[in-house]
C-alpha atoms as a PDB file:
ATOM      1  CA  MET A   1     -89.254  46.751-158.158  1.00  0.00           C
ATOM      2  CA  THR A   2     -92.853  48.000-158.223  1.00  0.00           C
ATOM      3  CA  ILE A   3     -95.262  46.586-160.798  1.00  0.00           C
ATOM      4  CA  THR A   4     -97.569  49.255-162.214  1.00  0.00           C
ATOM      5  CA  VAL A   5    -101.123  48.202-163.113  1.00  0.00           C
ATOM      6  CA  LEU A   6    -104.049  49.719-164.996  1.00  0.00           C
ATOM      7  CA  VAL A   7    -107.493  48.452-163.930  1.00  0.00           C
ATOM      8  CA  ALA A   8    -110.507  48.649-166.260  1.00  0.00           C
ATOM      9  CA  ASP A   9    -113.994  47.589-165.157  1.00  0.00           C
ATOM     10  CA  ASP A  10    -117.332  49.301-165.784  1.00  0.00           C
ATOM     11  CA  GLN A  11    -118.678  48.485-162.307  1.00  0.00           C
ATOM     12  CA  GLU A  12    -117.312  51.008-159.825  1.00  0.00           C
ATOM     13  CA  ILE A  13    -117.612  48.706-156.823  1.00  0.00           C
ATOM     14  CA  VAL A  14    -115.655  45.969-158.610  1.00  0.00           C
ATOM     15  CA  ARG A  15    -113.087  48.437-159.910  1.00  0.00           C
ATOM     16  CA  THR A  16    -112.580  49.840-156.414  1.00  0.00           C
ATOM     17  CA  GLY A  17    -112.257  46.357-154.941  1.00  0.00           C
ATOM     18  CA  LEU A  18    -109.627  45.309-157.482  1.00  0.00           C
ATOM     19  CA  CYS A  19    -107.648  48.486-156.861  1.00  0.00           C
ATOM     20  CA  THR A  20    -107.802  47.953-153.095  1.00  0.00           C
ATOM     21  CA  ILE A  21    -106.576  44.372-153.377  1.00  0.00           C
ATOM     22  CA  LEU A  22    -103.717  45.267-155.695  1.00  0.00           C
ATOM     23  CA  ASP A  23    -102.621  48.398-153.833  1.00  0.00           C
ATOM     24  CA  ALA A  24    -102.400  46.308-150.667  1.00  0.00           C
ATOM     25  CA  GLN A  25     -99.563  44.304-152.257  1.00  0.00           C
ATOM     26  CA  PRO A  26     -96.144  45.685-151.291  1.00  0.00           C
ATOM     27  CA  ASP A  27     -94.782  45.629-154.848  1.00  0.00           C
ATOM     28  CA  ILE A  28     -97.881  46.527-156.916  1.00  0.00           C
ATOM     29  CA  GLU A  29     -99.172  50.031-157.632  1.00  0.00           C
ATOM     30  CA  VAL A  30    -102.397  50.856-159.486  1.00  0.00           C
ATOM     31  CA  VAL A  31    -101.615  53.848-161.705  1.00  0.00           C
ATOM     32  CA  ALA A  32    -105.029  54.184-163.386  1.00  0.00           C
ATOM     33  CA  ALA A  33    -108.597  52.916-162.935  1.00  0.00           C
ATOM     34  CA  VAL A  34    -111.083  53.417-165.774  1.00  0.00           C
ATOM     35  CA  GLY A  35    -114.623  52.356-166.629  1.00  0.00           C
ATOM     36  CA  ASP A  36    -114.548  51.347-170.296  1.00  0.00           C
ATOM     37  CA  GLY A  37    -112.292  49.778-172.888  1.00  0.00           C
ATOM     38  CA  GLU A  38    -111.682  52.927-174.884  1.00  0.00           C
ATOM     39  CA  GLN A  39    -110.391  54.725-171.788  1.00  0.00           C
ATOM     40  CA  ALA A  40    -108.295  51.673-170.971  1.00  0.00           C
ATOM     41  CA  VAL A  41    -106.558  51.730-174.347  1.00  0.00           C
ATOM     42  CA  ARG A  42    -105.972  55.477-174.214  1.00  0.00           C
ATOM     43  CA  GLU A  43    -104.590  55.478-170.662  1.00  0.00           C
ATOM     44  CA  ALA A  44    -102.524  52.329-171.208  1.00  0.00           C
ATOM     45  CA  ARG A  45    -100.834  53.862-174.241  1.00  0.00           C
ATOM     46  CA  ARG A  46    -100.173  57.051-172.288  1.00  0.00           C
ATOM     47  CA  LEU A  47     -98.913  55.459-169.049  1.00  0.00           C
ATOM     48  CA  ARG A  48     -97.414  52.189-170.346  1.00  0.00           C
ATOM     49  CA  PRO A  49     -98.184  50.205-167.158  1.00  0.00           C
ATOM     50  CA  ASP A  50     -96.463  46.876-166.598  1.00  0.00           C
ATOM     51  CA  VAL A  51     -99.823  45.052-166.585  1.00  0.00           C
ATOM     52  CA  CYS A  52    -103.326  45.939-167.788  1.00  0.00           C
ATOM     53  CA  LEU A  53    -106.176  44.217-165.927  1.00  0.00           C
ATOM     54  CA  LEU A  54    -109.265  44.342-168.157  1.00  0.00           C
ATOM     55  CA  ASP A  55    -112.857  43.220-167.679  1.00  0.00           C
ATOM     56  CA  ILE A  56    -114.403  41.321-170.607  1.00  0.00           C
ATOM     57  CA  ARG A  57    -117.735  43.145-170.684  1.00  0.00           C
ATOM     58  CA  MET A  58    -117.259  46.913-170.844  1.00  0.00           C
ATOM     59  CA  PRO A  59    -119.060  49.699-172.710  1.00  0.00           C
ATOM     60  CA  VAL A  60    -117.672  51.570-175.747  1.00  0.00           C
ATOM     61  CA  LEU A  61    -114.952  48.945-176.295  1.00  0.00           C
ATOM     62  CA  ASP A  62    -115.101  45.502-174.731  1.00  0.00           C
ATOM     63  CA  GLY A  63    -112.203  43.752-173.051  1.00  0.00           C
ATOM     64  CA  VAL A  64    -111.332  41.525-176.009  1.00  0.00           C
ATOM     65  CA  ALA A  65    -111.184  44.468-178.420  1.00  0.00           C
ATOM     66  CA  ALA A  66    -109.158  46.486-175.911  1.00  0.00           C
ATOM     67  CA  THR A  67    -106.781  43.548-175.448  1.00  0.00           C
ATOM     68  CA  ARG A  68    -106.345  43.258-179.201  1.00  0.00           C
ATOM     69  CA  ALA A  69    -105.553  46.982-179.423  1.00  0.00           C
ATOM     70  CA  LEU A  70    -102.917  46.717-176.687  1.00  0.00           C
ATOM     71  CA  ALA A  71    -101.445  43.257-177.235  1.00  0.00           C
ATOM     72  CA  GLY A  72    -102.778  41.868-180.507  1.00  0.00           C
ATOM     73  CA  PRO A  73    -100.760  40.305-183.331  1.00  0.00           C
ATOM     74  CA  ASP A  74    -100.415  43.640-185.136  1.00  0.00           C
ATOM     75  CA  VAL A  75     -99.128  45.572-182.105  1.00  0.00           C
ATOM     76  CA  ALA A  76     -95.426  46.341-182.453  1.00  0.00           C
ATOM     77  CA  ASP A  77     -94.790  46.761-178.721  1.00  0.00           C
ATOM     78  CA  PRO A  78     -97.491  44.688-176.990  1.00  0.00           C
ATOM     79  CA  MET A  79     -98.384  45.192-173.351  1.00  0.00           C
ATOM     80  CA  ALA A  80     -99.068  42.535-170.745  1.00  0.00           C
ATOM     81  CA  VAL A  81    -102.837  42.065-170.397  1.00  0.00           C
ATOM     82  CA  VAL A  82    -104.757  39.952-167.888  1.00  0.00           C
ATOM     83  CA  VAL A  83    -108.484  39.568-168.566  1.00  0.00           C
ATOM     84  CA  ILE A  84    -110.859  39.212-165.624  1.00  0.00           C
ATOM     85  CA  THR A  85    -114.548  38.372-165.822  1.00  0.00           C
ATOM     86  CA  THR A  86    -117.583  36.951-164.057  1.00  0.00           C
ATOM     87  CA  PHE A  87    -118.236  34.646-167.005  1.00  0.00           C
ATOM     88  CA  ASP A  88    -116.048  31.592-167.668  1.00  0.00           C
ATOM     89  CA  LEU A  89    -117.550  30.782-171.067  1.00  0.00           C
ATOM     90  CA  ASP A  90    -115.117  28.995-173.369  1.00  0.00           C
ATOM     91  CA  GLU A  91    -115.462  31.550-176.146  1.00  0.00           C
ATOM     92  CA  HIS A  92    -114.517  34.371-173.771  1.00  0.00           C
ATOM     93  CA  VAL A  93    -111.341  32.596-172.716  1.00  0.00           C
ATOM     94  CA  HIS A  94    -110.367  31.627-176.248  1.00  0.00           C
ATOM     95  CA  ASP A  95    -111.125  35.067-177.689  1.00  0.00           C
ATOM     96  CA  ALA A  96    -109.201  36.861-174.937  1.00  0.00           C
ATOM     97  CA  LEU A  97    -106.109  34.700-175.326  1.00  0.00           C
ATOM     98  CA  ALA A  98    -106.296  34.868-179.112  1.00  0.00           C
ATOM     99  CA  ALA A  99    -106.385  38.672-178.780  1.00  0.00           C
ATOM    100  CA  GLY A 100    -103.083  38.592-176.878  1.00  0.00           C
ATOM    101  CA  ALA A 101    -104.004  38.286-173.185  1.00  0.00           C
ATOM    102  CA  ARG A 102    -101.393  36.684-170.928  1.00  0.00           C
ATOM    103  CA  GLY A 103    -103.884  35.579-168.318  1.00  0.00           C
ATOM    104  CA  PHE A 104    -107.554  34.928-167.653  1.00  0.00           C
ATOM    105  CA  LEU A 105    -109.160  35.107-164.213  1.00  0.00           C
ATOM    106  CA  LEU A 106    -112.639  34.896-162.776  1.00  0.00           C
ATOM    107  CA  LYS A 107    -113.626  37.731-160.446  1.00  0.00           C
ATOM    108  CA  ASP A 108    -114.067  35.310-157.556  1.00  0.00           C
ATOM    109  CA  ALA A 109    -110.488  34.043-157.916  1.00  0.00           C
ATOM    110  CA  GLY A 110    -109.430  35.747-154.696  1.00  0.00           C
ATOM    111  CA  PRO A 111    -106.651  38.209-153.803  1.00  0.00           C
ATOM    112  CA  ALA A 112    -103.813  35.667-153.859  1.00  0.00           C
ATOM    113  CA  LEU A 113    -104.533  34.411-157.382  1.00  0.00           C
ATOM    114  CA  LEU A 114    -105.129  37.954-158.631  1.00  0.00           C
ATOM    115  CA  ALA A 115    -101.724  39.083-157.349  1.00  0.00           C
ATOM    116  CA  GLN A 116    -100.133  35.922-158.737  1.00  0.00           C
ATOM    117  CA  ALA A 117    -101.576  36.612-162.190  1.00  0.00           C
ATOM    118  CA  VAL A 118    -100.261  40.184-162.162  1.00  0.00           C
ATOM    119  CA  HIS A 119     -96.799  39.018-161.121  1.00  0.00           C
ATOM    120  CA  ALA A 120     -96.819  36.293-163.781  1.00  0.00           C
ATOM    121  CA  ALA A 121     -97.823  38.722-166.538  1.00  0.00           C
ATOM    122  CA  ALA A 122     -95.175  41.236-165.451  1.00  0.00           C
ATOM    123  CA  ASP A 123     -92.554  38.472-165.507  1.00  0.00           C
ATOM    124  CA  GLY A 124     -93.484  37.418-169.049  1.00  0.00           C
ATOM    125  CA  GLU A 125     -95.294  34.303-167.906  1.00  0.00           C
ATOM    126  CA  ALA A 126     -99.020  33.691-167.809  1.00  0.00           C
ATOM    127  CA  LEU A 127    -101.703  32.335-165.542  1.00  0.00           C
ATOM    128  CA  ILE A 128    -105.168  31.052-166.321  1.00  0.00           C
ATOM    129  CA  ASP A 129    -107.731  30.456-163.590  1.00  0.00           C
ATOM    130  CA  PRO A 130    -107.400  26.769-162.630  1.00  0.00           C
ATOM    131  CA  THR A 131    -111.174  26.304-162.844  1.00  0.00           C
ATOM    132  CA  VAL A 132    -111.049  26.839-166.609  1.00  0.00           C
ATOM    133  CA  THR A 133    -107.563  25.577-167.479  1.00  0.00           C
ATOM    134  CA  VAL A 134    -108.411  21.972-168.318  1.00  0.00           C
ATOM    135  CA  ARG A 135    -111.472  22.883-170.367  1.00  0.00           C
ATOM    136  CA  LEU A 136    -109.505  25.531-172.224  1.00  0.00           C
ATOM    137  CA  LEU A 137    -106.696  23.168-173.164  1.00  0.00           C
ATOM    138  CA  GLN A 138    -109.193  20.564-174.301  1.00  0.00           C
ATOM    139  CA  HIS A 139    -110.787  23.289-176.434  1.00  0.00           C
ATOM    140  CA  PHE A 140    -107.440  24.001-178.088  1.00  0.00           C
ATOM    141  CA  ALA A 141    -106.874  20.280-178.625  1.00  0.00           C
ATOM    142  CA  ARG A 142    -110.081  19.664-180.590  1.00  0.00           C
ATOM    143  CA  PRO A 143    -109.160  17.994-183.900  1.00  0.00           C
ATOM    144  CA  ALA A 144    -111.291  20.450-185.878  1.00  0.00           C
ATOM    145  CA  ARG A 145    -109.096  23.312-184.676  1.00  0.00           C
ATOM    146  CA  ARG A 146    -105.775  21.697-185.479  1.00  0.00           C
ATOM    147  CA  LYS A 147    -103.853  22.968-188.493  1.00  0.00           C
ATOM    148  CA  ARG A 148    -101.022  20.434-188.212  1.00  0.00           C
ATOM    149  CA  ARG A 149     -98.483  23.224-188.559  1.00  0.00           C
ATOM    150  CA  ARG A 150     -94.786  22.655-188.324  1.00  0.00           C
ATOM    151  CA  PRO A 151     -92.313  25.226-187.007  1.00  0.00           C
ATOM    152  CA  ALA A 152     -90.415  27.357-189.507  1.00  0.00           C
ATOM    153  CA  GLN A 153     -87.263  25.522-188.412  1.00  0.00           C
ATOM    154  CA  PRO A 154     -87.135  22.081-186.774  1.00  0.00           C
ATOM    155  CA  LEU A 155     -87.174  22.031-182.995  1.00  0.00           C
ATOM    156  CA  SER A 156     -84.326  20.315-181.208  1.00  0.00           C
ATOM    157  CA  PRO A 157     -85.253  17.389-178.933  1.00  0.00           C
ATOM    158  CA  ARG A 158     -84.736  19.627-175.888  1.00  0.00           C
ATOM    159  CA  GLU A 159     -86.890  22.374-177.400  1.00  0.00           C
ATOM    160  CA  GLU A 160     -89.636  19.810-178.054  1.00  0.00           C
ATOM    161  CA  ALA A 161     -89.496  18.783-174.409  1.00  0.00           C
ATOM    162  CA  VAL A 162     -89.742  22.393-173.242  1.00  0.00           C
ATOM    163  CA  LEU A 163     -92.616  23.037-175.654  1.00  0.00           C
ATOM    164  CA  ARG A 164     -94.670  20.134-174.306  1.00  0.00           C
ATOM    165  CA  LEU A 165     -94.045  21.171-170.702  1.00  0.00           C
ATOM    166  CA  VAL A 166     -95.119  24.752-171.423  1.00  0.00           C
ATOM    167  CA  ALA A 167     -98.279  23.327-173.002  1.00  0.00           C
ATOM    168  CA  ALA A 168     -98.801  21.185-169.900  1.00  0.00           C
ATOM    169  CA  GLY A 169     -98.805  24.279-167.705  1.00  0.00           C
ATOM    170  CA  ARG A 170     -95.314  24.164-166.210  1.00  0.00           C
ATOM    171  CA  THR A 171     -93.564  27.296-164.965  1.00  0.00           C
ATOM    172  CA  ASN A 172     -89.936  27.993-165.844  1.00  0.00           C
ATOM    173  CA  ALA A 173     -88.888  26.824-162.395  1.00  0.00           C
ATOM    174  CA  GLU A 174     -90.780  23.543-162.803  1.00  0.00           C
ATOM    175  CA  ILE A 175     -89.258  22.977-166.248  1.00  0.00           C
ATOM    176  CA  THR A 176     -85.743  23.511-164.875  1.00  0.00           C
ATOM    177  CA  ALA A 177     -86.384  20.913-162.182  1.00  0.00           C
ATOM    178  CA  GLU A 178     -88.021  18.382-164.485  1.00  0.00           C
ATOM    179  CA  LEU A 179     -85.416  18.596-167.270  1.00  0.00           C
ATOM    180  CA  HIS A 180     -82.446  19.261-164.951  1.00  0.00           C
ATOM    181  CA  LEU A 181     -81.547  22.471-166.769  1.00  0.00           C
ATOM    182  CA  GLY A 182     -80.523  25.922-165.621  1.00  0.00           C
ATOM    183  CA  LEU A 183     -83.118  28.686-165.650  1.00  0.00           C
ATOM    184  CA  SER A 184     -81.211  30.672-168.279  1.00  0.00           C
ATOM    185  CA  THR A 185     -81.053  27.574-170.490  1.00  0.00           C
ATOM    186  CA  VAL A 186     -84.826  27.093-170.260  1.00  0.00           C
ATOM    187  CA  LYS A 187     -85.356  30.743-171.184  1.00  0.00           C
ATOM    188  CA  THR A 188     -82.998  30.327-174.154  1.00  0.00           C
ATOM    189  CA  HIS A 189     -84.929  27.272-175.368  1.00  0.00           C
ATOM    190  CA  LEU A 190     -88.218  29.109-174.943  1.00  0.00           C
ATOM    191  CA  ALA A 191     -86.938  32.096-176.941  1.00  0.00           C
ATOM    192  CA  ALA A 192     -85.870  29.708-179.719  1.00  0.00           C
ATOM    193  CA  ILE A 193     -89.299  28.026-179.678  1.00  0.00           C
ATOM    194  CA  MET A 194     -91.046  31.406-180.017  1.00  0.00           C
ATOM    195  CA  ALA A 195     -88.792  32.379-182.920  1.00  0.00           C
ATOM    196  CA  LYS A 196     -89.377  29.085-184.734  1.00  0.00           C
ATOM    197  CA  THR A 197     -93.152  29.003-184.151  1.00  0.00           C
ATOM    198  CA  GLY A 198     -93.839  32.694-184.710  1.00  0.00           C
ATOM    199  CA  THR A 199     -95.266  33.156-181.209  1.00  0.00           C
ATOM    200  CA  ARG A 200     -94.660  36.076-178.863  1.00  0.00           C
ATOM    201  CA  ASN A 201     -95.401  34.821-175.352  1.00  0.00           C
ATOM    202  CA  ARG A 202     -96.073  31.759-173.227  1.00  0.00           C
ATOM    203  CA  VAL A 203     -99.803  31.641-173.903  1.00  0.00           C
ATOM    204  CA  GLU A 204     -99.250  31.755-177.650  1.00  0.00           C
ATOM    205  CA  VAL A 205     -96.692  28.946-177.335  1.00  0.00           C
ATOM    206  CA  ALA A 206     -99.241  26.785-175.474  1.00  0.00           C
ATOM    207  CA  ARG A 207    -101.954  27.598-178.036  1.00  0.00           C
ATOM    208  CA  TRP A 208     -99.602  26.800-180.905  1.00  0.00           C
ATOM    209  CA  ALA A 209     -98.711  23.473-179.321  1.00  0.00           C
ATOM    210  CA  TYR A 210    -102.338  22.402-178.919  1.00  0.00           C
ATOM    211  CA  GLU A 211    -103.523  23.678-182.279  1.00  0.00           C
ATOM    212  CA  SER A 212    -100.595  22.001-184.025  1.00  0.00           C
ATOM    213  CA  GLY A 213    -100.827  18.580-182.397  1.00  0.00           C
ATOM    214  CA  TRP A 214     -97.901  18.982-179.971  1.00  0.00           C
ATOM    215  CA  GLU A 215     -99.958  18.626-176.815  1.00  0.00           C
ATOM    216  CA  PRO A 216     -98.580  16.753-173.781  1.00  0.00           C
ATOM    217  CA  PRO A 217    -100.020  13.443-172.504  1.00  0.00           C
ATOM    218  CA  ALA A 218    -103.577  13.777-171.163  1.00  0.00           C
ATOM    219  CA  ASP A 219    -102.555  13.048-167.577  1.00  0.00           C
ATOM    220  CA  GLU A 220    -100.243  16.076-167.631  1.00  0.00           C
ATOM    221  CA  ILE A 221    -102.908  18.616-168.654  1.00  0.00           C
ATOM    222  CA  GLY A 222    -103.976  21.053-165.960  1.00  0.00           C
ATOM    223  CA  ARG A 223    -101.751  19.531-163.296  1.00  0.00           C
ATOM    224  CA  HIS A 224    -100.524  23.015-162.492  1.00  0.00           C
ATOM    225  CA  GLN A 225    -102.298  26.342-162.399  1.00  0.00           C
ATOM    226  CA  PRO A 226    -100.018  28.582-164.475  1.00  0.00           C
ATOM    227  CA  ILE A 227     -99.458  28.311-168.192  1.00  0.00           C
ATOM    228  CA  GLY A 228     -95.831  29.334-168.392  1.00  0.00           C
END
């Protein structure tokens, strides 16, 4: 199955480079390449690509605003968005993920990580550049940001275990191995966690965990690259 991607970056040389890298993958096809956030939103709504790869700093409409328009809390049918930028400032990461992004990459991440992020987003998982993962999770864990929320319905012990492993950055495959569960069972637990916490994807689950005081032990944070 081919993953369709929209690329949005205001610098033509960067946009061309991203398209070249992605088109070189056997199962990825770039279906649109645009230079600003407004075009990105318009073309994404028209083409419905599997993944939208958006730069943070773009004219007319920036990447965070474009992400919010395509994948924000008020979007009935959100798309998979990966944000890519030269700047790894904490507020950029937090704002992008809060707007609904499934991944965050730096532009020097390299072809392998870029392709991995696109595949993760298309599969409903998420990937954050490992150079910012630990700092990001610590940002979410700051006491001032915690709301001490509880889920709408109590989590089962197994759901609690899955929640903490998602927050620690485990993939589905890693969770199945660590908890000795089948992949379908892990997905069922994750769906139940999302329903009970009012979250829509893996990144939101991880954010909810950290902002609500459900974070994993400190030595588990950032041990793996993906969040999901």
